[in-house]
């Protein structure tokens, strides 16, 4: 009889994501306001910070994924990445200039870059192929549950501490995440030997369908700017500072609740169909954001937008895993995350400049069109 997909590794990798995202999301709802208003950097400064942060992360994902395959130490890379992020986040509270935030976000995203591809490879090799949708979606569900809890903690703290002081509290759940993966996750040792002759060409010795999917995914991603812009829009539509963590918390609860059902649907009815639905949700949401003229219409769109994450994040990783042989999963996920980070760099910087120059409507409309185009091309993957 086949075992349940939720084995020890999958559970504790999910728990690690839960506590790591609690740490991250304690500060995330306040970071856009901190950068744009406290540090006086504006939307353009926010776009530069988030774009550089994500691109940095993508570079290290590319490297760490390949190295974790080569040395068969995926867990070690993941633990190191979580530890760097846990120690870096609280230091943002000490900054007084935008360039200091850029530097700390660089180290924070370096940690993410080191851990993410090896962690995704651990999920893949700890699961059966027919359970990839559920396994990756469980990890995303726990990640988003942490993103639900984190802002609630911020709400409790915000009436007693300054924004800077709240950043310090992120170290506690961050260290718990490191303990969870470091002690309880066990790495399989049965691996195919890494061939010494494979060097840089190793990145290209993967199935064509994998690369075509990355091409389609990149088109979508260059229209997928940082969600910190949506928080900034909420502030401009009249949301009070104290309500931002609550909005972000509910938003992430929707992401969490929708993730695991989407994983079951993907394993049952096909991953591409569920991903297509997710990208269409994104397209409609960005179209609605462009024309939202009051806080009520913004709020309804924001909640609907949360479904996009449940229908895409775990499913994208499951599709990638389907294309990759076991001994190249770390490398493949590294390439996937590198493409994603490069797209996010372009999207976030472009969005910030477009917002400052042409206003808020145009960048949202461009994102909507690119998502629709990518959804059409997904049919041919």
Foldseek 3Di string as FASTA:
>chain_A
DDDDQDDQQLVLLLVLLLLLLLLVLLQLLVVLCCVCPVQVNHLLLVLQLQLLLLLLLLVLLLVLLVVCLQVVPLLVQQLQLLVQLLVLQLCVLVDNHSVVSSVSSSSNSSSNSSNPLSSLLQQLVSGDLLQLLQSLLSSQLSNLLSSLNNLVVSLVCPVPDPSSVSSNVSNVSSVVSSVSSVPRRDRDDDDDHDDPVDDVCLLVPFDPVLVLLLVLVLLLLLLPEDCSVLSVVLVVQPDDSSCSSVLSNLLSNLLNVLQNVLSVCCSVPNLLVLLLVLLLLLLVLLLQSLPDDHNVSSSVSSNSNSNSNSSHDSSVSSVQSVRDDSSNSSNSVSNSSSSNSNSNSNNSSVQSVCCVPPNNNVSSNSSSVSSNVSSVSSVVD
